[in-house]
Amino acid sequence: FKEQKEAVVEFMDSVKGSADEKMYSVLFTKHVEQLKQDPMVKEVVFETFDKVVDRQYEEFMALFENTLCATFNNPWLFMKRRVLSIDDQSLEETYLPTFEDLKERIETEMQSGA
């Protein structure tokens, strides 16, 4: 994302006068003019953008790590679901598995490395 800032500014600049101009905010042209006219504004906007990207990356990685920890601490909660095709069974024959069925399935999937 950090590498694309200049490309976004170029895109915003290309909107004015194009056939797609009505599809985008009129603020695009105003803001891109400010970025082009004042290097200090551009620097502050880009620095703020970089800080937000870094913060969001750290938050995502923390959530991802927590998800992985939870998955490996209790794989029973995160087992992949079996896909049920209507051709395989009619909906009338479909039932929720019992606790014993789930325990057996967990053992089988853990042994098979699924």
C-alpha atoms as a PDB file:
ATOM      1  CA  PHE A   1       0.000   0.000   0.000  1.00  0.00           C
ATOM      2  CA  LYS A   2       2.834   2.372   0.830  1.00  0.00           C
ATOM      3  CA  GLU A   3       4.267   1.977  -2.667  1.00  0.00           C
ATOM      4  CA  GLN A   4       1.005   2.990  -4.343  1.00  0.00           C
ATOM      5  CA  LYS A   5       0.573   6.517  -2.988  1.00  0.00           C
ATOM      6  CA  GLU A   6       1.989   8.236  -6.061  1.00  0.00           C
ATOM      7  CA  ALA A   7      -0.099   6.038  -8.371  1.00  0.00           C
ATOM      8  CA  VAL A   8      -3.235   7.020  -6.456  1.00  0.00           C
ATOM      9  CA  VAL A   9      -2.342  10.711  -6.756  1.00  0.00           C
ATOM     10  CA  GLU A  10      -1.830  10.253 -10.509  1.00  0.00           C
ATOM     11  CA  PHE A  11      -5.193   8.509 -10.771  1.00  0.00           C
ATOM     12  CA  MET A  12      -6.925  11.273  -8.814  1.00  0.00           C
ATOM     13  CA  ASP A  13      -5.318  13.816 -11.147  1.00  0.00           C
ATOM     14  CA  SER A  14      -6.482  11.920 -14.241  1.00  0.00           C
ATOM     15  CA  VAL A  15     -10.141  11.928 -13.181  1.00  0.00           C
ATOM     16  CA  LYS A  16     -10.741  15.595 -14.039  1.00  0.00           C
ATOM     17  CA  GLY A  17     -12.009  15.935 -17.593  1.00  0.00           C
ATOM     18  CA  SER A  18     -12.308  12.187 -18.158  1.00  0.00           C
ATOM     19  CA  ALA A  19     -15.495  10.359 -19.124  1.00  0.00           C
ATOM     20  CA  ASP A  20     -15.584   8.853 -15.615  1.00  0.00           C
ATOM     21  CA  GLU A  21     -15.409  12.206 -13.830  1.00  0.00           C
ATOM     22  CA  LYS A  22     -19.024  12.008 -12.647  1.00  0.00           C
ATOM     23  CA  MET A  23     -18.372   8.639 -10.970  1.00  0.00           C
ATOM     24  CA  TYR A  24     -15.925  10.117  -8.433  1.00  0.00           C
ATOM     25  CA  SER A  25     -16.094  12.781  -5.781  1.00  0.00           C
ATOM     26  CA  VAL A  26     -15.443  16.372  -6.828  1.00  0.00           C
ATOM     27  CA  LEU A  27     -13.059  16.454  -3.869  1.00  0.00           C
ATOM     28  CA  PHE A  28     -10.581  14.322  -5.829  1.00  0.00           C
ATOM     29  CA  THR A  29      -9.561  17.244  -7.997  1.00  0.00           C
ATOM     30  CA  LYS A  30      -9.490  19.705  -5.082  1.00  0.00           C
ATOM     31  CA  HIS A  31      -7.373  17.415  -2.920  1.00  0.00           C
ATOM     32  CA  VAL A  32      -4.970  16.443  -5.681  1.00  0.00           C
ATOM     33  CA  GLU A  33      -4.384  20.120  -6.422  1.00  0.00           C
ATOM     34  CA  GLN A  34      -3.492  20.720  -2.768  1.00  0.00           C
ATOM     35  CA  LEU A  35      -1.102  17.761  -2.840  1.00  0.00           C
ATOM     36  CA  LYS A  36       0.559  19.016  -6.015  1.00  0.00           C
ATOM     37  CA  GLN A  37       0.787  22.659  -4.901  1.00  0.00           C
ATOM     38  CA  ASP A  38       2.052  22.187  -1.354  1.00  0.00           C
ATOM     39  CA  PRO A  39       4.817  19.623  -0.758  1.00  0.00           C
ATOM     40  CA  MET A  40       4.360  19.982   3.007  1.00  0.00           C
ATOM     41  CA  VAL A  41       0.692  18.883   2.764  1.00  0.00           C
ATOM     42  CA  LYS A  42       1.721  15.959   0.572  1.00  0.00           C
ATOM     43  CA  GLU A  43       4.417  14.907   3.052  1.00  0.00           C
ATOM     44  CA  VAL A  44       2.039  15.084   6.030  1.00  0.00           C
ATOM     45  CA  VAL A  45      -0.688  13.145   4.191  1.00  0.00           C
ATOM     46  CA  PHE A  46       1.774  10.465   3.055  1.00  0.00           C
ATOM     47  CA  GLU A  47       3.336  10.132   6.528  1.00  0.00           C
ATOM     48  CA  THR A  48      -0.080   9.823   8.136  1.00  0.00           C
ATOM     49  CA  PHE A  49      -1.079   7.224   5.559  1.00  0.00           C
ATOM     50  CA  ASP A  50       2.088   5.221   6.267  1.00  0.00           C
ATOM     51  CA  LYS A  51       1.438   5.322  10.018  1.00  0.00           C
ATOM     52  CA  VAL A  52      -2.134   4.089   9.531  1.00  0.00           C
ATOM     53  CA  VAL A  53      -0.975   1.274   7.229  1.00  0.00           C
ATOM     54  CA  ASP A  54       1.628   0.217   9.809  1.00  0.00           C
ATOM     55  CA  ARG A  55      -0.930   0.312  12.618  1.00  0.00           C
ATOM     56  CA  GLN A  56      -3.473  -1.703  10.626  1.00  0.00           C
ATOM     57  CA  TYR A  57      -0.785  -4.246   9.718  1.00  0.00           C
ATOM     58  CA  GLU A  58       0.130  -4.708  13.383  1.00  0.00           C
ATOM     59  CA  GLU A  59      -3.531  -5.078  14.376  1.00  0.00           C
ATOM     60  CA  PHE A  60      -4.140  -7.601  11.602  1.00  0.00           C
ATOM     61  CA  MET A  61      -1.083  -9.648  12.566  1.00  0.00           C
ATOM     62  CA  ALA A  62      -2.134  -9.681  16.231  1.00  0.00           C
ATOM     63  CA  LEU A  63      -5.641 -10.872  15.310  1.00  0.00           C
ATOM     64  CA  PHE A  64      -4.229 -13.466  12.936  1.00  0.00           C
ATOM     65  CA  GLU A  65      -1.831 -14.752  15.597  1.00  0.00           C
ATOM     66  CA  ASN A  66      -4.669 -14.934  18.129  1.00  0.00           C
ATOM     67  CA  THR A  67      -6.777 -16.882  15.651  1.00  0.00           C
ATOM     68  CA  LEU A  68      -3.959 -19.339  15.024  1.00  0.00           C
ATOM     69  CA  CYS A  69      -3.369 -19.776  18.754  1.00  0.00           C
ATOM     70  CA  ALA A  70      -7.064 -20.379  19.350  1.00  0.00           C
ATOM     71  CA  THR A  71      -7.196 -22.834  16.465  1.00  0.00           C
ATOM     72  CA  PHE A  72      -4.282 -24.876  17.748  1.00  0.00           C
ATOM     73  CA  ASN A  73      -5.388 -24.674  21.368  1.00  0.00           C
ATOM     74  CA  ASN A  74      -8.853 -25.987  20.582  1.00  0.00           C
ATOM     75  CA  PRO A  75      -9.042 -27.513  17.084  1.00  0.00           C
ATOM     76  CA  TRP A  76     -12.524 -28.880  17.765  1.00  0.00           C
ATOM     77  CA  LEU A  77     -13.959 -25.384  17.393  1.00  0.00           C
ATOM     78  CA  PHE A  78     -12.229 -24.689  14.092  1.00  0.00           C
ATOM     79  CA  MET A  79     -12.671 -27.952  12.239  1.00  0.00           C
ATOM     80  CA  LYS A  80     -13.536 -27.607   8.616  1.00  0.00           C
ATOM     81  CA  ARG A  81     -17.142 -28.225   7.818  1.00  0.00           C
ATOM     82  CA  ARG A  82     -18.181 -31.042   5.593  1.00  0.00           C
ATOM     83  CA  VAL A  83     -19.928 -29.977   2.438  1.00  0.00           C
ATOM     84  CA  LEU A  84     -23.399 -31.425   2.068  1.00  0.00           C
ATOM     85  CA  SER A  85     -24.689 -31.787  -1.438  1.00  0.00           C
ATOM     86  CA  ILE A  86     -28.412 -32.053  -1.938  1.00  0.00           C
ATOM     87  CA  ASP A  87     -27.700 -34.950  -4.329  1.00  0.00           C
ATOM     88  CA  ASP A  88     -25.952 -36.901  -1.533  1.00  0.00           C
ATOM     89  CA  GLN A  89     -28.803 -36.745   0.948  1.00  0.00           C
ATOM     90  CA  SER A  90     -32.236 -35.324   1.015  1.00  0.00           C
ATOM     91  CA  LEU A  91     -32.743 -32.558   3.533  1.00  0.00           C
ATOM     92  CA  GLU A  92     -35.251 -34.736   5.387  1.00  0.00           C
ATOM     93  CA  GLU A  93     -32.492 -37.240   6.178  1.00  0.00           C
ATOM     94  CA  THR A  94     -30.085 -34.578   7.400  1.00  0.00           C
ATOM     95  CA  TYR A  95     -29.499 -34.385  11.142  1.00  0.00           C
ATOM     96  CA  LEU A  96     -27.115 -32.720  13.537  1.00  0.00           C
ATOM     97  CA  PRO A  97     -24.296 -34.988  14.705  1.00  0.00           C
ATOM     98  CA  THR A  98     -24.318 -36.217  18.278  1.00  0.00           C
ATOM     99  CA  PHE A  99     -21.527 -35.392  20.705  1.00  0.00           C
ATOM    100  CA  GLU A 100     -20.166 -38.931  20.255  1.00  0.00           C
ATOM    101  CA  ASP A 101     -20.181 -38.488  16.453  1.00  0.00           C
ATOM    102  CA  LEU A 102     -18.207 -35.264  16.833  1.00  0.00           C
ATOM    103  CA  LYS A 103     -15.635 -36.895  19.115  1.00  0.00           C
ATOM    104  CA  GLU A 104     -15.174 -39.726  16.638  1.00  0.00           C
ATOM    105  CA  ARG A 105     -14.832 -37.297  13.740  1.00  0.00           C
ATOM    106  CA  ILE A 106     -12.239 -35.239  15.630  1.00  0.00           C
ATOM    107  CA  GLU A 107     -10.141 -38.322  16.341  1.00  0.00           C
ATOM    108  CA  THR A 108     -10.363 -39.453  12.724  1.00  0.00           C
ATOM    109  CA  GLU A 109      -9.425 -36.044  11.302  1.00  0.00           C
ATOM    110  CA  MET A 110      -6.584 -35.540  13.760  1.00  0.00           C
ATOM    111  CA  GLN A 111      -5.157 -38.969  12.854  1.00  0.00           C
ATOM    112  CA  SER A 112      -5.455 -38.267   9.134  1.00  0.00           C
ATOM    113  CA  GLY A 113      -3.765 -34.876   9.544  1.00  0.00           C
ATOM    114  CA  ALA A 114      -6.739 -32.909   8.206  1.00  0.00           C
END
